[in-house]
Structures are given as structure tokens and as C-alpha cells.
PDB file of N, CA and C in Angstrom:
ATOM      1  N   MET A   1     240.903 174.080 -28.915  1.00  0.00           N
ATOM      2  CA  MET A   1     240.545 172.972 -28.077  1.00  0.00           C
ATOM      3  C   MET A   1     239.172 173.260 -27.455  1.00  0.00           C
ATOM      4  N   LEU A   2     238.304 172.297 -27.532  1.00  0.00           N
ATOM      5  CA  LEU A   2     236.961 172.417 -26.992  1.00  0.00           C
ATOM      6  C   LEU A   2     236.865 171.552 -25.738  1.00  0.00           C
ATOM      7  N   VAL A   3     236.466 172.172 -24.650  1.00  0.00           N
ATOM      8  CA  VAL A   3     236.334 171.440 -23.396  1.00  0.00           C
ATOM      9  C   VAL A   3     234.879 171.520 -22.954  1.00  0.00           C
ATOM     10  N   CYS A   4     234.295 170.393 -22.599  1.00  0.00           N
ATOM     11  CA  CYS A   4     232.918 170.355 -22.120  1.00  0.00           C
ATOM     12  C   CYS A   4     232.906 169.790 -20.712  1.00  0.00           C
ATOM     13  N   LEU A   5     232.155 170.430 -19.874  1.00  0.00           N
ATOM     14  CA  LEU A   5     231.981 169.943 -18.507  1.00  0.00           C
ATOM     15  C   LEU A   5     230.523 169.613 -18.302  1.00  0.00           C
ATOM     16  N   THR A   6     230.278 168.530 -17.641  1.00  0.00           N
ATOM     17  CA  THR A   6     228.918 168.136 -17.356  1.00  0.00           C
ATOM     18  C   THR A   6     228.761 167.979 -15.852  1.00  0.00           C
ATOM     19  N   SER A   7     227.659 168.449 -15.352  1.00  0.00           N
ATOM     20  CA  SER A   7     227.382 168.273 -13.931  1.00  0.00           C
ATOM     21  C   SER A   7     225.880 168.134 -13.750  1.00  0.00           C
ATOM     22  N   TYR A   8     225.480 167.851 -12.560  1.00  0.00           N
ATOM     23  CA  TYR A   8     224.062 167.756 -12.272  1.00  0.00           C
ATOM     24  C   TYR A   8     223.787 168.501 -10.983  1.00  0.00           C
ATOM     25  N   ALA A   9     222.521 168.813 -10.797  1.00  0.00           N
ATOM     26  CA  ALA A   9     222.099 169.468  -9.560  1.00  0.00           C
ATOM     27  C   ALA A   9     220.802 168.827  -9.108  1.00  0.00           C
ATOM     28  N   ALA A  10     220.710 168.562  -7.854  1.00  0.00           N
ATOM     29  CA  ALA A  10     219.459 168.068  -7.282  1.00  0.00           C
ATOM     30  C   ALA A  10     218.748 169.276  -6.699  1.00  0.00           C
ATOM     31  N   ALA A  11     217.507 169.470  -7.084  1.00  0.00           N
ATOM     32  CA  ALA A  11     216.754 170.631  -6.616  1.00  0.00           C
ATOM     33  C   ALA A  11     215.875 170.237  -5.442  1.00  0.00           C
ATOM     34  N   GLY A  12     215.949 171.008  -4.380  1.00  0.00           N
ATOM     35  CA  GLY A  12     215.073 170.794  -3.240  1.00  0.00           C
ATOM     36  C   GLY A  12     215.552 169.693  -2.316  1.00  0.00           C
ATOM     37  N   VAL A  13     214.786 169.523  -1.270  1.00  0.00           N
ATOM     38  CA  VAL A  13     215.037 168.466  -0.285  1.00  0.00           C
ATOM     39  C   VAL A  13     214.322 167.213  -0.775  1.00  0.00           C
ATOM     40  N   SER A  14     214.928 166.077  -0.587  1.00  0.00           N
ATOM     41  CA  SER A  14     214.372 164.811  -1.040  1.00  0.00           C
ATOM     42  C   SER A  14     212.918 164.622  -0.597  1.00  0.00           C
ATOM     43  N   ILE A  15     212.079 164.193  -1.535  1.00  0.00           N
ATOM     44  CA  ILE A  15     210.692 163.823  -1.242  1.00  0.00           C
ATOM     45  C   ILE A  15     210.599 162.323  -1.440  1.00  0.00           C
ATOM     46  N   THR A  16     210.105 161.619  -0.446  1.00  0.00           N
ATOM     47  CA  THR A  16     209.963 160.168  -0.531  1.00  0.00           C
ATOM     48  C   THR A  16     208.571 159.768  -0.071  1.00  0.00           C
ATOM     49  N   GLN A  17     208.165 158.552  -0.412  1.00  0.00           N
ATOM     50  CA  GLN A  17     206.865 158.060   0.036  1.00  0.00           C
ATOM     51  C   GLN A  17     206.818 158.039   1.561  1.00  0.00           C
ATOM     52  N   GLU A  18     207.913 157.653   2.184  1.00  0.00           N
ATOM     53  CA  GLU A  18     207.962 157.595   3.641  1.00  0.00           C
ATOM     54  C   GLU A  18     207.660 158.963   4.260  1.00  0.00           C
ATOM     55  N   LYS A  19     208.275 160.006   3.707  1.00  0.00           N
ATOM     56  CA  LYS A  19     208.039 161.357   4.222  1.00  0.00           C
ATOM     57  C   LYS A  19     206.610 161.823   3.958  1.00  0.00           C
ATOM     58  N   VAL A  20     206.109 161.573   2.747  1.00  0.00           N
ATOM     59  CA  VAL A  20     204.754 161.994   2.394  1.00  0.00           C
ATOM     60  C   VAL A  20     203.730 161.260   3.260  1.00  0.00           C
ATOM     61  N   SER A  21     204.003 160.005   3.581  1.00  0.00           N
ATOM     62  CA  SER A  21     203.081 159.217   4.414  1.00  0.00           C
ATOM     63  C   SER A  21     202.953 159.759   5.832  1.00  0.00           C
ATOM     64  N   GLN A  22     203.879 160.613   6.241  1.00  0.00           N
ATOM     65  CA  GLN A  22     203.818 161.208   7.579  1.00  0.00           C
ATOM     66  C   GLN A  22     202.851 162.384   7.649  1.00  0.00           C
ATOM     67  N   ILE A  23     202.373 162.870   6.500  1.00  0.00           N
ATOM     68  CA  ILE A  23     201.427 163.987   6.486  1.00  0.00           C
ATOM     69  C   ILE A  23     200.089 163.506   7.021  1.00  0.00           C
ATOM     70  N   ARG A  24     199.569 164.214   8.007  1.00  0.00           N
ATOM     71  CA  ARG A  24     198.290 163.867   8.624  1.00  0.00           C
ATOM     72  C   ARG A  24     197.321 165.040   8.467  1.00  0.00           C
ATOM     73  N   PRO A  25     196.359 164.927   7.532  1.00  0.00           N
ATOM     74  CA  PRO A  25     195.376 166.000   7.374  1.00  0.00           C
ATOM     75  C   PRO A  25     194.681 166.300   8.705  1.00  0.00           C
ATOM     76  N   GLY A  26     194.504 167.589   8.962  1.00  0.00           N
ATOM     77  CA  GLY A  26     193.879 168.014  10.212  1.00  0.00           C
ATOM     78  C   GLY A  26     194.849 168.089  11.371  1.00  0.00           C
ATOM     79  N   GLN A  27     196.084 167.595  11.203  1.00  0.00           N
ATOM     80  CA  GLN A  27     197.075 167.607  12.277  1.00  0.00           C
ATOM     81  C   GLN A  27     198.390 168.264  11.861  1.00  0.00           C
ATOM     82  N   THR A  28     198.899 167.926  10.667  1.00  0.00           N
ATOM     83  CA  THR A  28     200.195 168.427  10.219  1.00  0.00           C
ATOM     84  C   THR A  28     200.104 169.924   9.919  1.00  0.00           C
ATOM     85  N   THR A  29     201.077 170.689  10.423  1.00  0.00           N
ATOM     86  CA  THR A  29     201.107 172.136  10.219  1.00  0.00           C
ATOM     87  C   THR A  29     202.127 172.504   9.143  1.00  0.00           C
ATOM     88  N   GLU A  30     202.105 173.764   8.741  1.00  0.00           N
ATOM     89  CA  GLU A  30     203.095 174.239   7.768  1.00  0.00           C
ATOM     90  C   GLU A  30     204.506 174.112   8.343  1.00  0.00           C
ATOM     91  N   GLU A  31     204.665 174.388   9.623  1.00  0.00           N
ATOM     92  CA  GLU A  31     205.982 174.216  10.274  1.00  0.00           C
ATOM     93  C   GLU A  31     206.477 172.783  10.143  1.00  0.00           C
ATOM     94  N   ASP A  32     205.577 171.820  10.363  1.00  0.00           N
ATOM     95  CA  ASP A  32     205.939 170.403  10.226  1.00  0.00           C
ATOM     96  C   ASP A  32     206.415 170.106   8.804  1.00  0.00           C
ATOM     97  N   LEU A  33     205.697 170.631   7.806  1.00  0.00           N
ATOM     98  CA  LEU A  33     206.045 170.390   6.406  1.00  0.00           C
ATOM     99  C   LEU A  33     207.402 170.999   6.059  1.00  0.00           C
ATOM    100  N   VAL A  34     207.647 172.220   6.520  1.00  0.00           N
ATOM    101  CA  VAL A  34     208.926 172.880   6.244  1.00  0.00           C
ATOM    102  C   VAL A  34     210.070 172.122   6.911  1.00  0.00           C
ATOM    103  N   ARG A  35     209.830 171.602   8.098  1.00  0.00           N
ATOM    104  CA  ARG A  35     210.858 170.821   8.796  1.00  0.00           C
ATOM    105  C   ARG A  35     211.176 169.537   8.004  1.00  0.00           C
ATOM    106  N   THR A  36     210.182 168.951   7.385  1.00  0.00           N
ATOM    107  CA  THR A  36     210.363 167.697   6.650  1.00  0.00           C
ATOM    108  C   THR A  36     210.874 167.899   5.224  1.00  0.00           C
ATOM    109  N   PHE A  37     210.313 168.893   4.501  1.00  0.00           N
ATOM    110  CA  PHE A  37     210.605 169.052   3.077  1.00  0.00           C
ATOM    111  C   PHE A  37     211.396 170.318   2.741  1.00  0.00           C
ATOM    112  N   GLY A  38     211.690 171.149   3.738  1.00  0.00           N
ATOM    113  CA  GLY A  38     212.342 172.421   3.467  1.00  0.00           C
ATOM    114  C   GLY A  38     211.309 173.459   3.059  1.00  0.00           C
ATOM    115  N   SER A  39     211.770 174.638   2.718  1.00  0.00           N
ATOM    116  CA  SER A  39     210.861 175.706   2.292  1.00  0.00           C
ATOM    117  C   SER A  39     210.195 175.323   0.981  1.00  0.00           C
ATOM    118  N   PRO A  40     208.901 175.620   0.833  1.00  0.00           N
ATOM    119  CA  PRO A  40     208.222 175.283  -0.424  1.00  0.00           C
ATOM    120  C   PRO A  40     208.759 176.117  -1.585  1.00  0.00           C
ATOM    121  N   ALA A  41     208.687 175.552  -2.785  1.00  0.00           N
ATOM    122  CA  ALA A  41     209.109 176.278  -3.984  1.00  0.00           C
ATOM    123  C   ALA A  41     208.148 177.423  -4.272  1.00  0.00           C
ATOM    124  N   THR A  42     206.865 177.185  -4.024  1.00  0.00           N
ATOM    125  CA  THR A  42     205.861 178.229  -4.193  1.00  0.00           C
ATOM    126  C   THR A  42     204.877 178.190  -3.036  1.00  0.00           C
ATOM    127  N   LYS A  43     204.328 179.352  -2.748  1.00  0.00           N
ATOM    128  CA  LYS A  43     203.306 179.478  -1.710  1.00  0.00           C
ATOM    129  C   LYS A  43     202.276 180.468  -2.233  1.00  0.00           C
ATOM    130  N   THR A  44     201.023 180.035  -2.327  1.00  0.00           N
ATOM    131  CA  THR A  44     199.965 180.853  -2.898  1.00  0.00           C
ATOM    132  C   THR A  44     198.809 180.955  -1.919  1.00  0.00           C
ATOM    133  N   VAL A  45     198.368 182.168  -1.646  1.00  0.00           N
ATOM    134  CA  VAL A  45     197.200 182.374  -0.789  1.00  0.00           C
ATOM    135  C   VAL A  45     195.973 182.284  -1.681  1.00  0.00           C
ATOM    136  N   CYS A  46     195.056 181.421  -1.294  1.00  0.00           N
ATOM    137  CA  CYS A  46     193.868 181.153  -2.094  1.00  0.00           C
ATOM    138  C   CYS A  46     192.632 181.743  -1.418  1.00  0.00           C
ATOM    139  N   PRO A  47     191.523 181.810  -2.152  1.00  0.00           N
ATOM    140  CA  PRO A  47     190.269 182.264  -1.542  1.00  0.00           C
ATOM    141  C   PRO A  47     189.863 181.363  -0.373  1.00  0.00           C
ATOM    142  N   GLU A  48     188.990 181.858   0.454  1.00  0.00           N
ATOM    143  CA  GLU A  48     188.448 181.095   1.588  1.00  0.00           C
ATOM    144  C   GLU A  48     189.497 180.735   2.618  1.00  0.00           C
ATOM    145  N   GLY A  49     190.607 181.498   2.670  1.00  0.00           N
ATOM    146  CA  GLY A  49     191.602 181.291   3.717  1.00  0.00           C
ATOM    147  C   GLY A  49     192.534 180.120   3.530  1.00  0.00           C
ATOM    148  N   GLU A  50     192.515 179.485   2.368  1.00  0.00           N
ATOM    149  CA  GLU A  50     193.424 178.373   2.116  1.00  0.00           C
ATOM    150  C   GLU A  50     194.751 178.891   1.575  1.00  0.00           C
ATOM    151  N   THR A  51     195.809 178.110   1.791  1.00  0.00           N
ATOM    152  CA  THR A  51     197.126 178.403   1.246  1.00  0.00           C
ATOM    153  C   THR A  51     197.629 177.157   0.537  1.00  0.00           C
ATOM    154  N   SER A  52     198.145 177.335  -0.682  1.00  0.00           N
ATOM    155  CA  SER A  52     198.695 176.235  -1.459  1.00  0.00           C
ATOM    156  C   SER A  52     200.217 176.273  -1.362  1.00  0.00           C
ATOM    157  N   LEU A  53     200.821 175.139  -1.040  1.00  0.00           N
ATOM    158  CA  LEU A  53     202.271 175.006  -0.935  1.00  0.00           C
ATOM    159  C   LEU A  53     202.729 173.930  -1.915  1.00  0.00           C
ATOM    160  N   ASP A  54     203.823 174.208  -2.633  1.00  0.00           N
ATOM    161  CA  ASP A  54     204.340 173.251  -3.614  1.00  0.00           C
ATOM    162  C   ASP A  54     205.815 172.987  -3.373  1.00  0.00           C
ATOM    163  N   TRP A  55     206.177 171.721  -3.448  1.00  0.00           N
ATOM    164  CA  TRP A  55     207.580 171.303  -3.356  1.00  0.00           C
ATOM    165  C   TRP A  55     207.921 170.484  -4.585  1.00  0.00           C
ATOM    166  N   PHE A  56     209.164 170.602  -5.034  1.00  0.00           N
ATOM    167  CA  PHE A  56     209.657 169.825  -6.169  1.00  0.00           C
ATOM    168  C   PHE A  56     211.024 169.267  -5.795  1.00  0.00           C
ATOM    169  N   TYR A  57     211.288 168.052  -6.214  1.00  0.00           N
ATOM    170  CA  TYR A  57     212.609 167.462  -6.001  1.00  0.00           C
ATOM    171  C   TYR A  57     213.034 166.795  -7.300  1.00  0.00           C
ATOM    172  N   THR A  58     214.206 167.119  -7.761  1.00  0.00           N
ATOM    173  CA  THR A  58     214.748 166.524  -8.970  1.00  0.00           C
ATOM    174  C   THR A  58     216.042 165.807  -8.638  1.00  0.00           C
ATOM    175  N   ALA A  59     216.076 164.514  -8.915  1.00  0.00           N
ATOM    176  CA  ALA A  59     217.289 163.721  -8.710  1.00  0.00           C
ATOM    177  C   ALA A  59     218.115 163.768  -9.985  1.00  0.00           C
ATOM    178  N   PRO A  60     219.419 163.591  -9.865  1.00  0.00           N
ATOM    179  CA  PRO A  60     220.258 163.584 -11.063  1.00  0.00           C
ATOM    180  C   PRO A  60     219.867 162.446 -11.997  1.00  0.00           C
ATOM    181  N   ILE A  61     219.943 162.698 -13.291  1.00  0.00           N
ATOM    182  CA  ILE A  61     219.653 161.668 -14.290  1.00  0.00           C
ATOM    183  C   ILE A  61     220.909 160.830 -14.484  1.00  0.00           C
ATOM    184  N   SER A  62     220.752 159.524 -14.374  1.00  0.00           N
ATOM    185  CA  SER A  62     221.905 158.633 -14.500  1.00  0.00           C
ATOM    186  C   SER A  62     222.319 158.458 -15.963  1.00  0.00           C
ATOM    187  N   ALA A  63     223.515 157.989 -16.155  1.00  0.00           N
ATOM    188  CA  ALA A  63     224.081 157.816 -17.497  1.00  0.00           C
ATOM    189  C   ALA A  63     223.265 156.848 -18.352  1.00  0.00           C
ATOM    190  N   GLN A  64     222.593 155.881 -17.719  1.00  0.00           N
ATOM    191  CA  GLN A  64     221.808 154.893 -18.471  1.00  0.00           C
ATOM    192  C   GLN A  64     220.745 155.554 -19.343  1.00  0.00           C
ATOM    193  N   ASN A  65     220.227 156.710 -18.902  1.00  0.00           N
ATOM    194  CA  ASN A  65     219.171 157.372 -19.661  1.00  0.00           C
ATOM    195  C   ASN A  65     219.638 157.861 -21.022  1.00  0.00           C
ATOM    196  N   TYR A  66     220.924 157.972 -21.213  1.00  0.00           N
ATOM    197  CA  TYR A  66     221.457 158.476 -22.464  1.00  0.00           C
ATOM    198  C   TYR A  66     221.812 157.370 -23.452  1.00  0.00           C
ATOM    199  N   ILE A  67     221.618 156.110 -23.071  1.00  0.00           N
ATOM    200  CA  ILE A  67     221.953 154.990 -23.948  1.00  0.00           C
ATOM    201  C   ILE A  67     220.689 154.573 -24.708  1.00  0.00           C
ATOM    202  N   PRO A  68     220.673 154.759 -26.042  1.00  0.00           N
ATOM    203  CA  PRO A  68     219.485 154.397 -26.818  1.00  0.00           C
ATOM    204  C   PRO A  68     219.148 152.913 -26.695  1.00  0.00           C
ATOM    205  N   ILE A  69     217.896 152.599 -26.730  1.00  0.00           N
ATOM    206  CA  ILE A  69     217.311 151.267 -26.735  1.00  0.00           C
ATOM    207  C   ILE A  69     217.531 150.494 -25.441  1.00  0.00           C
ATOM    208  N   ILE A  70     218.765 150.301 -24.998  1.00  0.00           N
ATOM    209  CA  ILE A  70     218.993 149.486 -23.805  1.00  0.00           C
ATOM    210  C   ILE A  70     218.969 150.294 -22.508  1.00  0.00           C
ATOM    211  N   GLY A  71     218.889 151.616 -22.600  1.00  0.00           N
ATOM    212  CA  GLY A  71     218.870 152.461 -21.403  1.00  0.00           C
ATOM    213  C   GLY A  71     217.795 152.059 -20.396  1.00  0.00           C
ATOM    214  N   PRO A  72     216.530 151.854 -20.841  1.00  0.00           N
ATOM    215  CA  PRO A  72     215.491 151.449 -19.890  1.00  0.00           C
ATOM    216  C   PRO A  72     215.778 150.120 -19.195  1.00  0.00           C
ATOM    217  N   ALA A  73     216.431 149.194 -19.899  1.00  0.00           N
ATOM    218  CA  ALA A  73     216.757 147.889 -19.301  1.00  0.00           C
ATOM    219  C   ALA A  73     217.817 148.035 -18.208  1.00  0.00           C
ATOM    220  N   LEU A  74     218.566 149.121 -18.255  1.00  0.00           N
ATOM    221  CA  LEU A  74     219.610 149.360 -17.259  1.00  0.00           C
ATOM    222  C   LEU A  74     219.147 150.277 -16.128  1.00  0.00           C
ATOM    223  N   GLY A  75     217.848 150.493 -16.043  1.00  0.00           N
ATOM    224  CA  GLY A  75     217.324 151.339 -14.966  1.00  0.00           C
ATOM    225  C   GLY A  75     217.065 152.767 -15.387  1.00  0.00           C
ATOM    226  N   GLY A  76     216.995 153.015 -16.676  1.00  0.00           N
ATOM    227  CA  GLY A  76     216.793 154.369 -17.181  1.00  0.00           C
ATOM    228  C   GLY A  76     215.399 154.923 -16.978  1.00  0.00           C
ATOM    229  N   THR A  77     214.473 154.128 -16.455  1.00  0.00           N
ATOM    230  CA  THR A  77     213.117 154.634 -16.225  1.00  0.00           C
ATOM    231  C   THR A  77     212.840 154.844 -14.742  1.00  0.00           C
ATOM    232  N   GLN A  78     213.874 154.906 -13.943  1.00  0.00           N
ATOM    233  CA  GLN A  78     213.682 155.125 -12.516  1.00  0.00           C
ATOM    234  C   GLN A  78     213.124 156.522 -12.276  1.00  0.00           C
ATOM    235  N   VAL A  79     212.490 156.707 -11.108  1.00  0.00           N
ATOM    236  CA  VAL A  79     211.932 158.003 -10.756  1.00  0.00           C
ATOM    237  C   VAL A  79     213.049 159.043 -10.728  1.00  0.00           C
ATOM    238  N   LYS A  80     212.798 160.164 -11.340  1.00  0.00           N
ATOM    239  CA  LYS A  80     213.793 161.222 -11.383  1.00  0.00           C
ATOM    240  C   LYS A  80     213.294 162.491 -10.701  1.00  0.00           C
ATOM    241  N   ALA A  81     211.999 162.600 -10.465  1.00  0.00           N
ATOM    242  CA  ALA A  81     211.476 163.815  -9.843  1.00  0.00           C
ATOM    243  C   ALA A  81     210.207 163.522  -9.046  1.00  0.00           C
ATOM    244  N   TRP A  82     209.999 164.318  -8.036  1.00  0.00           N
ATOM    245  CA  TRP A  82     208.790 164.270  -7.227  1.00  0.00           C
ATOM    246  C   TRP A  82     208.181 165.660  -7.203  1.00  0.00           C
ATOM    247  N   GLU A  83     206.871 165.712  -7.079  1.00  0.00           N
ATOM    248  CA  GLU A  83     206.141 166.956  -6.905  1.00  0.00           C
ATOM    249  C   GLU A  83     205.132 166.740  -5.778  1.00  0.00           C
ATOM    250  N   LEU A  84     205.098 167.649  -4.834  1.00  0.00           N
ATOM    251  CA  LEU A  84     204.166 167.565  -3.707  1.00  0.00           C
ATOM    252  C   LEU A  84     203.383 168.861  -3.649  1.00  0.00           C
ATOM    253  N   TRP A  85     202.061 168.747  -3.643  1.00  0.00           N
ATOM    254  CA  TRP A  85     201.172 169.903  -3.576  1.00  0.00           C
ATOM    255  C   TRP A  85     200.299 169.728  -2.341  1.00  0.00           C
ATOM    256  N   VAL A  86     200.305 170.736  -1.473  1.00  0.00           N
ATOM    257  CA  VAL A  86     199.566 170.670  -0.214  1.00  0.00           C
ATOM    258  C   VAL A  86     198.695 171.905  -0.091  1.00  0.00           C
ATOM    259  N   VAL A  87     197.450 171.707   0.318  1.00  0.00           N
ATOM    260  CA  VAL A  87     196.555 172.830   0.614  1.00  0.00           C
ATOM    261  C   VAL A  87     196.356 172.870   2.117  1.00  0.00           C
ATOM    262  N   MET A  88     196.686 174.046   2.680  1.00  0.00           N
ATOM    263  CA  MET A  88     196.515 174.276   4.107  1.00  0.00           C
ATOM    264  C   MET A  88     195.162 174.952   4.323  1.00  0.00           C
ATOM    265  N   GLY A  89     194.449 174.546   5.367  1.00  0.00           N
ATOM    266  CA  GLY A  89     193.164 175.156   5.693  1.00  0.00           C
ATOM    267  C   GLY A  89     193.349 176.453   6.462  1.00  0.00           C
ATOM    268  N   TRP A  90     192.257 177.137   6.720  1.00  0.00           N
ATOM    269  CA  TRP A  90     192.302 178.403   7.457  1.00  0.00           C
ATOM    270  C   TRP A  90     192.858 178.229   8.861  1.00  0.00           C
ATOM    271  N   ASN A  91     192.808 176.993   9.394  1.00  0.00           N
ATOM    272  CA  ASN A  91     193.307 176.715  10.747  1.00  0.00           C
ATOM    273  C   ASN A  91     194.811 176.429  10.783  1.00  0.00           C
ATOM    274  N   GLY A  92     195.478 176.516   9.606  1.00  0.00           N
ATOM    275  CA  GLY A  92     196.927 176.302   9.556  1.00  0.00           C
ATOM    276  C   GLY A  92     197.346 174.844   9.489  1.00  0.00           C
ATOM    277  N   LYS A  93     196.378 173.955   9.249  1.00  0.00           N
ATOM    278  CA  LYS A  93     196.682 172.520   9.168  1.00  0.00           C
ATOM    279  C   LYS A  93     196.355 171.997   7.780  1.00  0.00           C
ATOM    280  N   VAL A  94     197.013 170.902   7.405  1.00  0.00           N
ATOM    281  CA  VAL A  94     196.821 170.311   6.080  1.00  0.00           C
ATOM    282  C   VAL A  94     195.353 169.951   5.878  1.00  0.00           C
ATOM    283  N   ARG A  95     194.837 170.382   4.733  1.00  0.00           N
ATOM    284  CA  ARG A  95     193.468 170.032   4.368  1.00  0.00           C
ATOM    285  C   ARG A  95     193.459 168.903   3.348  1.00  0.00           C
ATOM    286  N   ARG A  96     194.341 169.021   2.342  1.00  0.00           N
ATOM    287  CA  ARG A  96     194.469 167.956   1.331  1.00  0.00           C
ATOM    288  C   ARG A  96     195.854 168.037   0.699  1.00  0.00           C
ATOM    289  N   TYR A  97     196.251 166.950   0.054  1.00  0.00           N
ATOM    290  CA  TYR A  97     197.568 166.917  -0.595  1.00  0.00           C
ATOM    291  C   TYR A  97     197.598 165.861  -1.689  1.00  0.00           C
ATOM    292  N   ILE A  98     198.579 166.007  -2.562  1.00  0.00           N
ATOM    293  CA  ILE A  98     198.791 165.023  -3.613  1.00  0.00           C
ATOM    294  C   ILE A  98     200.286 165.028  -3.950  1.00  0.00           C
ATOM    295  N   ALA A  99     200.813 163.865  -4.268  1.00  0.00           N
ATOM    296  CA  ALA A  99     202.218 163.748  -4.654  1.00  0.00           C
ATOM    297  C   ALA A  99     202.292 163.004  -5.987  1.00  0.00           C
ATOM    298  N   TYR A 100     203.197 163.452  -6.841  1.00  0.00           N
ATOM    299  CA  TYR A 100     203.417 162.825  -8.136  1.00  0.00           C
ATOM    300  C   TYR A 100     204.859 162.376  -8.252  1.00  0.00           C
ATOM    301  N   GLN A 101     205.050 161.261  -8.939  1.00  0.00           N
ATOM    302  CA  GLN A 101     206.382 160.816  -9.339  1.00  0.00           C
ATOM    303  C   GLN A 101     206.491 161.103 -10.831  1.00  0.00           C
ATOM    304  N   HIS A 102     207.601 161.662 -11.260  1.00  0.00           N
ATOM    305  CA  HIS A 102     207.851 161.910 -12.672  1.00  0.00           C
ATOM    306  C   HIS A 102     209.040 161.043 -13.070  1.00  0.00           C
ATOM    307  N   TYR A 103     208.834 160.209 -14.080  1.00  0.00           N
ATOM    308  CA  TYR A 103     209.872 159.279 -14.516  1.00  0.00           C
ATOM    309  C   TYR A 103     210.685 159.865 -15.664  1.00  0.00           C
ATOM    310  N   ALA A 104     211.893 159.358 -15.841  1.00  0.00           N
ATOM    311  CA  ALA A 104     212.792 159.829 -16.896  1.00  0.00           C
ATOM    312  C   ALA A 104     212.207 159.599 -18.289  1.00  0.00           C
ATOM    313  N   ASN A 105     211.330 158.593 -18.441  1.00  0.00           N
ATOM    314  CA  ASN A 105     210.749 158.299 -19.750  1.00  0.00           C
ATOM    315  C   ASN A 105     209.527 159.166 -20.064  1.00  0.00           C
ATOM    316  N   GLY A 106     209.212 160.137 -19.192  1.00  0.00           N
ATOM    317  CA  GLY A 106     208.096 161.040 -19.435  1.00  0.00           C
ATOM    318  C   GLY A 106     206.807 160.628 -18.742  1.00  0.00           C
ATOM    319  N   GLU A 107     206.760 159.446 -18.184  1.00  0.00           N
ATOM    320  CA  GLU A 107     205.565 158.971 -17.493  1.00  0.00           C
ATOM    321  C   GLU A 107     205.410 159.705 -16.158  1.00  0.00           C
ATOM    322  N   THR A 108     204.166 159.998 -15.802  1.00  0.00           N
ATOM    323  CA  THR A 108     203.865 160.612 -14.515  1.00  0.00           C
ATOM    324  C   THR A 108     202.881 159.706 -13.798  1.00  0.00           C
ATOM    325  N   LYS A 109     203.110 159.484 -12.513  1.00  0.00           N
ATOM    326  CA  LYS A 109     202.250 158.612 -11.724  1.00  0.00           C
ATOM    327  C   LYS A 109     201.739 159.380 -10.508  1.00  0.00           C
ATOM    328  N   ARG A 110     200.422 159.407 -10.352  1.00  0.00           N
ATOM    329  CA  ARG A 110     199.828 159.983  -9.147  1.00  0.00           C
ATOM    330  C   ARG A 110     200.106 158.987  -8.040  1.00  0.00           C
ATOM    331  N   HIS A 111     200.827 159.429  -7.059  1.00  0.00           N
ATOM    332  CA  HIS A 111     201.351 158.510  -6.066  1.00  0.00           C
ATOM    333  C   HIS A 111     200.502 158.445  -4.810  1.00  0.00           C
ATOM    334  N   ILE A 112     200.237 159.572  -4.220  1.00  0.00           N
ATOM    335  CA  ILE A 112     199.497 159.605  -2.964  1.00  0.00           C
ATOM    336  C   ILE A 112     198.513 160.760  -3.067  1.00  0.00           C
ATOM    337  N   GLU A 113     197.301 160.508  -2.656  1.00  0.00           N
ATOM    338  CA  GLU A 113     196.306 161.570  -2.724  1.00  0.00           C
ATOM    339  C   GLU A 113     195.417 161.505  -1.493  1.00  0.00           C
ATOM    340  N   TYR A 114     195.121 162.664  -0.960  1.00  0.00           N
ATOM    341  CA  TYR A 114     194.175 162.742   0.135  1.00  0.00           C
ATOM    342  C   TYR A 114     193.327 163.975  -0.086  1.00  0.00           C
ATOM    343  N   GLY A 115     192.038 163.828  -0.019  1.00  0.00           N
ATOM    344  CA  GLY A 115     191.139 164.968  -0.175  1.00  0.00           C
ATOM    345  C   GLY A 115     190.428 164.934  -1.510  1.00  0.00           C
ATOM    346  N   HIS A 116     189.549 165.912  -1.734  1.00  0.00           N
ATOM    347  CA  HIS A 116     188.759 165.999  -2.948  1.00  0.00           C
ATOM    348  C   HIS A 116     189.361 167.046  -3.872  1.00  0.00           C
ATOM    349  N   TYR A 117     189.478 166.698  -5.150  1.00  0.00           N
ATOM    350  CA  TYR A 117     190.009 167.611  -6.154  1.00  0.00           C
ATOM    351  C   TYR A 117     189.000 167.736  -7.289  1.00  0.00           C
ATOM    352  N   ALA A 118     188.637 168.953  -7.611  1.00  0.00           N
ATOM    353  CA  ALA A 118     187.716 169.181  -8.713  1.00  0.00           C
ATOM    354  C   ALA A 118     188.415 168.868 -10.031  1.00  0.00           C
ATOM    355  N   HIS A 119     187.687 168.263 -10.971  1.00  0.00           N
ATOM    356  CA  HIS A 119     188.283 167.926 -12.285  1.00  0.00           C
ATOM    357  C   HIS A 119     187.741 168.841 -13.344  1.00  0.00           C
TER     358      HIS A 119
END
């Protein structure tokens, strides 16, 4: 007898546009971010006294995503993951940030951006 169990896990604390919109460059501190988004998944000390903080949130994938052809019509392209990247300045306050939405269909959308990013 073969038994299969399926489950899902949501990673991290929920990231939403409402929460990201509360970030105020020059005012928001790392403590504020941790209170809102939980501990960052990664923290990197960068040159010139900057620190990079990253958060990821993955929502469970709904059953519609597994239905060929009609899955997208049933909501299978809803946002399934968020990524938030924040650079803290030497003064301990947000210098710049960017948030991405990752969709179940593979599409990625740059959602909110503040600051200058080299390309």
C-alpha cells in the first residue's frame, strides 16, 4: 500500500504592500523592520557601513495551480511569494529598499522601489 501525504508551509512573516508602504527612508530602523517583518532571512554587512537585509515570504500554492489550462482562470496566477530587500545606512536607518512579487506562473513584478540601484 502506497500512502502519500501532502502539506504546505508558509515561510516567513507575511509581506504585504501595506506593510512595505510603512517603510520610511531616513526614519525606519532595523528594529522597526524586525517588528514588522520578523527576523530577516539574510543580513549582509556591506562596504561603506551599509547593511543589506532580505526577507522572503512564500504563501501556500492553491490547488488551482495544478489544473492544466483552466488553472489560471481559477486564480492560479495569484501572488505566491514576496521578496523584500532593504539597505540600511551607517546611521542605522533605511537608505533604500525594493519589494518584488513572484507569481505562480513564473512572472516577477517589481512592486515598490525607493532609492537608486546600479544596473
